[in-house]
Amino acid sequence: MELHQLRYFLAVARTKHFSRAAEQCHVAQPSLSQQIMKLEGELGEKLFERTKREVALTPAGDLLMAHAERVLAEVELAREGVRELRGLVRGRVTLGVLPTVAPYFLPQRLRAFTAKFPAVEVVVNEDTTSQLTAALLAKEIDLAIVSLPVERAGLVAEKFFDEKLLVALPAGHVLAKKRRLTLDDLEQEAFILMKEGHCLSGQALQFCRMNGFAPPVSFRSAQIETVLAFVAKGWGVSIVPEMACGRPMPGVRYRALAGMTRSIGIIRREARALSHAGRALVDFLRVGSGGAAAGR
């Protein structure tokens, strides 16, 4: 059993297609198919059920997939460990992040990280918490920055910091005269929120329900900037993270909201150790997260 055979096997298992797997592995399809057949011959078991429409794993293939992933992950960790001895951390890290965090928390920090670790490529994917957790469990991303808690089997979390949530009001709103608000002040207000599925909107509505009311929602958007633009035009009020309020928005005033915060942290798969590049990124972000909201 050879490493390149395991790589070919995993490529077919993930793409469910021999031609696409061959393209992904930069090898001719007949060569890939031949190596898969050699692997099956060595194991004495069929690994794939082949039909005209798709390729599916057999029970033996299912069993081998888990072992193959661990073997190749360990090989990569060994390679990175040797590089680290030479003082060079390299590799690729795919980082998932919430849209309500990415544009405010990441740019400056990732620029500093890249300056320190120029051989590490960081690929950022923005999505909702549910999509990011699913991508983690499917091994499509390595890490995700989310709003905690996230309770999913197979994932572990580390909290970075707590952040205040503020009320965004039209500049001429009567509540803008107050320096600090409570949810009681917002009971008669229409809300402008992130789209359903975004944890920020769910958290805002949950707080309102706990306070005994369900606010009407006049507008939803996938972007905080759009939400704030509608607040400025008087469509309603919104609840936004403090880190999003660093730049003045014409027509919008921000006010503190008693008792409302969110916790930001990073999640990863429990069963797999981080690569050296992934660990370097987590360590760097952890150190750079102190006072994150204040340092926007």
Protein backbone atom coordinates (compact mmCIF):
# COMPACT_ATOMS: atom_id res chain seq x y z
CA MET A 1 0.00 0.00 0.00
CA GLU A 2 1.58 3.28 -1.12
CA LEU A 3 0.82 6.88 -0.23
CA HIS A 4 -0.03 7.91 -3.78
CA GLN A 5 -2.57 5.05 -3.93
CA LEU A 6 -4.24 6.41 -0.79
CA ARG A 7 -4.31 9.90 -2.29
CA TYR A 8 -5.91 8.59 -5.48
CA PHE A 9 -8.39 6.57 -3.44
CA LEU A 10 -9.43 9.62 -1.36
CA ALA A 11 -9.77 11.77 -4.46
CA VAL A 12 -12.20 9.26 -6.01
CA ALA A 13 -14.07 8.86 -2.71
CA ARG A 14 -14.57 12.62 -2.40
CA THR A 15 -15.37 13.45 -6.03
CA LYS A 16 -17.29 10.21 -6.69
CA HIS A 17 -15.82 10.32 -10.17
CA PHE A 18 -12.65 8.79 -11.63
CA SER A 19 -12.07 11.48 -14.28
CA ARG A 20 -12.46 14.38 -11.85
CA ALA A 21 -10.24 12.59 -9.33
CA ALA A 22 -7.55 12.13 -11.99
CA GLU A 23 -7.70 15.84 -12.86
CA GLN A 24 -7.46 16.75 -9.19
CA CYS A 25 -4.42 14.50 -8.76
CA HIS A 26 -2.80 15.68 -12.02
CA VAL A 27 -2.54 12.15 -13.37
CA ALA A 28 -4.01 10.32 -16.37
CA GLN A 29 -7.24 8.49 -15.59
CA PRO A 30 -5.95 5.06 -16.73
CA SER A 31 -3.00 5.38 -14.34
CA LEU A 32 -5.28 6.36 -11.46
CA SER A 33 -7.69 3.50 -12.20
CA GLN A 34 -4.78 1.04 -12.37
CA GLN A 35 -3.47 2.13 -8.98
CA ILE A 36 -6.95 1.79 -7.43
CA MET A 37 -7.19 -1.74 -8.87
CA LYS A 38 -3.75 -2.59 -7.41
CA LEU A 39 -4.92 -1.30 -4.02
CA GLU A 40 -8.08 -3.40 -4.21
CA GLY A 41 -6.00 -6.42 -5.22
CA GLU A 42 -3.65 -5.96 -2.25
CA LEU A 43 -6.56 -5.61 0.18
CA GLY A 44 -8.62 -8.36 -1.41
CA GLU A 45 -11.73 -6.18 -1.34
CA LYS A 46 -13.58 -3.93 -3.75
CA LEU A 47 -13.40 -0.35 -2.61
CA PHE A 48 -15.91 1.18 -5.05
CA GLU A 49 -19.18 0.21 -6.68
CA ARG A 50 -18.97 1.55 -10.21
CA THR A 51 -22.08 2.43 -12.21
CA LYS A 52 -22.60 4.56 -15.31
CA ARG A 53 -23.89 7.45 -13.21
CA GLU A 54 -21.67 7.48 -10.12
CA VAL A 55 -19.03 5.83 -8.02
CA ALA A 56 -19.95 4.81 -4.46
CA LEU A 57 -17.86 3.47 -1.60
CA THR A 58 -18.30 -0.14 -0.55
CA PRO A 59 -18.25 -0.99 3.20
CA ALA A 60 -14.55 -1.80 2.80
CA GLY A 61 -14.05 1.58 1.13
CA ASP A 62 -15.84 3.35 3.98
CA LEU A 63 -13.50 1.68 6.46
CA LEU A 64 -10.38 2.48 4.46
CA MET A 65 -11.38 6.15 4.00
CA ALA A 66 -11.14 6.94 7.71
CA HIS A 67 -7.73 5.25 7.98
CA ALA A 68 -6.44 6.86 4.77
CA GLU A 69 -7.38 10.35 5.98
CA ARG A 70 -5.53 9.80 9.25
CA VAL A 71 -2.45 8.35 7.54
CA LEU A 72 -2.12 11.22 5.06
CA ALA A 73 -2.79 13.80 7.78
CA GLU A 74 -0.01 12.32 9.89
CA VAL A 75 2.35 12.32 6.91
CA GLU A 76 1.63 16.01 6.31
CA LEU A 77 2.18 16.80 9.99
CA ALA A 78 5.52 14.99 9.84
CA ARG A 79 6.56 17.02 6.80
CA GLU A 80 5.54 20.25 8.48
CA GLY A 81 7.39 19.24 11.63
CA VAL A 82 10.62 18.79 9.68
CA ARG A 83 10.13 22.16 7.98
CA GLU A 84 9.49 23.72 11.38
CA LEU A 85 12.87 22.46 12.55
CA ARG A 86 14.35 24.59 9.78
CA GLY A 87 12.39 27.55 11.13
CA LEU A 88 9.86 27.60 8.28
CA VAL A 89 6.13 27.14 8.81
CA ARG A 90 4.36 26.58 5.53
CA GLY A 91 1.06 25.22 4.25
CA ARG A 92 -2.50 26.21 3.53
CA VAL A 93 -5.23 26.93 6.08
CA THR A 94 -8.87 27.30 5.10
CA LEU A 95 -10.57 29.57 7.62
CA GLY A 96 -14.34 29.95 7.84
CA VAL A 97 -15.68 33.13 9.41
CA LEU A 98 -18.98 34.89 10.02
CA PRO A 99 -19.82 37.82 7.71
CA THR A 100 -20.44 39.89 10.85
CA VAL A 101 -16.83 39.28 11.92
CA ALA A 102 -14.70 38.90 8.77
CA PRO A 103 -14.43 42.50 7.46
CA TYR A 104 -13.83 43.99 10.92
CA PHE A 105 -11.65 41.45 12.71
CA LEU A 106 -9.55 39.79 10.01
CA PRO A 107 -7.91 42.20 7.52
CA GLN A 108 -5.33 43.81 9.79
CA ARG A 109 -4.63 40.58 11.68
CA LEU A 110 -4.21 38.43 8.58
CA ARG A 111 -1.91 41.02 7.05
CA ALA A 112 0.30 40.86 10.14
CA PHE A 113 0.13 37.05 10.16
CA THR A 114 1.18 36.84 6.51
CA ALA A 115 4.11 39.15 7.21
CA LYS A 116 5.27 36.82 9.98
CA PHE A 117 4.48 33.55 8.14
CA PRO A 118 4.89 34.31 4.43
CA ALA A 119 4.87 30.61 3.48
CA VAL A 120 1.38 30.05 4.91
CA GLU A 121 -1.60 30.64 2.62
CA VAL A 122 -4.85 31.52 4.39
CA VAL A 123 -8.07 31.05 2.42
CA VAL A 124 -11.12 32.75 3.97
CA ASN A 125 -14.69 31.49 3.47
CA GLU A 126 -17.58 33.60 4.82
CA ASP A 127 -20.82 31.86 5.81
CA THR A 128 -23.37 31.35 8.57
CA THR A 129 -22.60 29.34 11.70
CA SER A 130 -24.64 26.33 10.57
CA GLN A 131 -22.89 26.22 7.20
CA LEU A 132 -19.45 26.66 8.75
CA THR A 133 -19.97 23.85 11.27
CA ALA A 134 -21.19 21.57 8.48
CA ALA A 135 -18.13 22.48 6.38
CA LEU A 136 -15.83 21.72 9.31
CA LEU A 137 -17.36 18.31 9.89
CA ALA A 138 -17.17 17.61 6.14
CA LYS A 139 -13.44 18.51 6.24
CA GLU A 140 -13.98 21.33 3.73
CA ILE A 141 -12.42 23.93 6.04
CA ASP A 142 -9.85 23.68 8.83
CA LEU A 143 -11.08 26.27 11.33
CA ALA A 144 -13.99 28.66 11.82
CA ILE A 145 -14.42 31.91 13.73
CA VAL A 146 -17.99 32.01 15.04
CA SER A 147 -20.22 33.32 17.79
CA LEU A 148 -20.20 30.88 20.71
CA PRO A 149 -21.54 28.61 22.02
CA VAL A 150 -21.65 26.06 19.19
CA GLU A 151 -22.87 22.68 20.37
CA ARG A 152 -22.04 20.09 17.72
CA ALA A 153 -20.58 16.65 18.38
CA GLY A 154 -17.10 16.30 16.95
CA LEU A 155 -16.13 19.98 17.36
CA VAL A 156 -14.14 21.78 20.03
CA ALA A 157 -14.24 25.51 20.71
CA GLU A 158 -11.96 28.14 22.20
CA LYS A 159 -13.30 31.53 23.25
CA PHE A 160 -11.31 34.58 22.16
CA PHE A 161 -13.26 37.55 23.54
CA ASP A 162 -16.65 39.00 24.46
CA GLU A 163 -18.06 41.85 22.43
CA LYS A 164 -20.80 44.36 23.19
CA LEU A 165 -23.86 44.55 20.97
CA LEU A 166 -25.10 48.08 20.25
CA VAL A 167 -28.38 49.55 19.06
CA ALA A 168 -28.19 51.32 15.70
CA LEU A 169 -30.76 54.14 15.48
CA PRO A 170 -31.72 56.73 12.87
CA ALA A 171 -29.94 59.97 13.82
CA GLY A 172 -33.21 61.80 14.50
CA HIS A 173 -34.80 59.04 16.57
CA VAL A 174 -36.04 60.05 20.01
CA LEU A 175 -34.05 57.20 21.60
CA ALA A 176 -30.84 58.67 20.22
CA LYS A 177 -31.10 61.26 23.00
CA LYS A 178 -30.45 58.53 25.59
CA ARG A 179 -26.88 57.32 26.19
CA ARG A 180 -27.85 53.79 27.25
CA LEU A 181 -30.86 51.71 26.25
CA THR A 182 -32.63 48.59 27.47
CA LEU A 183 -34.71 46.14 25.48
CA ASP A 184 -37.83 47.72 27.03
CA ASP A 185 -36.98 50.88 25.06
CA LEU A 186 -37.17 48.89 21.81
CA GLU A 187 -40.46 47.10 22.36
CA GLN A 188 -42.41 49.34 19.97
CA GLU A 189 -39.71 49.53 17.30
CA ALA A 190 -39.47 47.81 13.93
CA PHE A 191 -36.23 45.86 13.53
CA ILE A 192 -33.86 45.62 10.59
CA LEU A 193 -31.88 42.38 10.85
CA MET A 194 -29.45 40.10 9.09
CA LYS A 195 -31.03 37.36 6.98
CA GLU A 196 -32.45 34.28 8.67
CA GLY A 197 -29.72 31.81 9.48
CA HIS A 198 -27.30 34.49 10.68
CA CYS A 199 -26.66 34.00 14.39
CA LEU A 200 -26.69 37.77 15.05
CA SER A 201 -30.33 38.10 13.99
CA GLY A 202 -31.27 34.95 15.91
CA GLN A 203 -29.58 36.29 19.02
CA ALA A 204 -31.36 39.65 18.76
CA LEU A 205 -34.76 37.99 18.41
CA GLN A 206 -34.00 35.59 21.25
CA PHE A 207 -33.17 38.47 23.58
CA CYS A 208 -36.43 40.18 22.62
CA ARG A 209 -38.48 37.03 23.23
CA MET A 210 -36.82 36.60 26.62
CA ASN A 211 -37.92 40.16 27.35
CA GLY A 212 -41.51 39.31 26.47
CA PHE A 213 -42.01 40.71 22.96
CA ALA A 214 -41.51 39.76 19.33
CA PRO A 215 -40.51 42.79 17.24
CA PRO A 216 -41.77 43.28 13.69
CA VAL A 217 -38.98 42.88 11.14
CA SER A 218 -39.17 45.49 8.39
CA PHE A 219 -36.11 44.41 6.37
CA ARG A 220 -33.36 41.78 6.25
CA SER A 221 -29.98 41.75 4.53
CA ALA A 222 -26.88 39.57 4.32
CA GLN A 223 -24.64 42.63 4.86
CA ILE A 224 -24.36 44.83 7.95
CA GLU A 225 -23.60 47.86 5.76
CA THR A 226 -26.96 47.44 4.02
CA VAL A 227 -28.72 47.02 7.36
CA LEU A 228 -27.19 50.30 8.56
CA ALA A 229 -28.12 52.08 5.34
CA PHE A 230 -31.78 51.18 5.95
CA VAL A 231 -31.50 52.29 9.57
CA ALA A 232 -30.19 55.65 8.33
CA LYS A 233 -33.29 56.03 6.13
CA GLY A 234 -35.60 55.46 9.09
CA TRP A 235 -36.88 51.94 8.31
CA GLY A 236 -36.26 50.85 11.89
CA VAL A 237 -33.57 50.03 14.42
CA SER A 238 -31.01 47.25 14.52
CA ILE A 239 -28.68 45.44 16.88
CA VAL A 240 -25.11 45.30 15.60
CA PRO A 241 -21.70 44.17 16.94
CA GLU A 242 -19.46 46.87 18.36
CA MET A 243 -16.65 45.98 15.94
CA ALA A 244 -18.90 47.02 13.03
CA CYS A 245 -19.32 50.54 14.41
CA GLY A 246 -15.77 51.80 13.97
CA ARG A 247 -16.46 54.02 10.97
CA PRO A 248 -19.11 56.76 11.21
CA MET A 249 -22.24 55.99 9.20
CA PRO A 250 -24.13 59.13 8.09
CA GLY A 251 -27.59 59.19 9.59
CA VAL A 252 -26.90 56.45 12.18
CA ARG A 253 -26.30 56.76 15.92
CA TYR A 254 -25.07 53.91 18.14
CA ARG A 255 -26.16 53.44 21.72
CA ALA A 256 -25.12 50.95 24.39
CA LEU A 257 -27.63 48.20 25.14
CA ALA A 258 -27.66 46.89 28.69
CA GLY A 259 -26.85 43.21 29.08
CA MET A 260 -26.31 42.26 25.42
CA THR A 261 -23.01 40.75 24.33
CA ARG A 262 -21.75 37.98 22.08
CA SER A 263 -18.76 35.68 22.53
CA ILE A 264 -16.40 35.23 19.58
CA GLY A 265 -14.16 32.19 19.34
CA ILE A 266 -12.71 29.57 17.05
CA ILE A 267 -13.92 26.02 16.44
CA ARG A 268 -12.19 23.01 14.89
CA ARG A 269 -12.62 19.27 14.51
CA GLU A 270 -11.99 17.34 17.70
CA ALA A 271 -10.62 14.18 16.09
CA ARG A 272 -7.85 15.76 14.02
CA ALA A 273 -4.82 17.63 15.26
CA LEU A 274 -4.19 21.00 13.66
CA SER A 275 -1.43 21.31 11.10
CA HIS A 276 1.55 23.42 12.14
CA ALA A 277 0.25 26.21 9.89
CA GLY A 278 -3.21 25.96 11.44
CA ARG A 279 -1.80 26.02 14.95
CA ALA A 280 0.34 29.04 14.10
CA LEU A 281 -2.76 30.88 12.87
CA VAL A 282 -4.81 30.04 15.97
CA ASP A 283 -1.96 31.13 18.26
CA PHE A 284 -1.53 34.37 16.34
CA LEU A 285 -5.25 35.21 16.38
CA ARG A 286 -5.51 34.33 20.07
CA VAL A 287 -2.76 36.77 21.01
CA GLY A 288 -4.19 39.43 18.70
CA SER A 289 -7.73 39.11 20.03
CA GLY A 290 -7.27 40.94 23.30
CA GLY A 291 -9.48 44.02 23.22
CA ALA A 292 -10.59 43.14 19.70
CA ALA A 293 -13.68 45.30 19.69
CA ALA A 294 -11.90 48.23 21.27
CA GLY A 295 -9.08 48.00 18.77
CA ARG A 296 -11.23 48.18 15.67
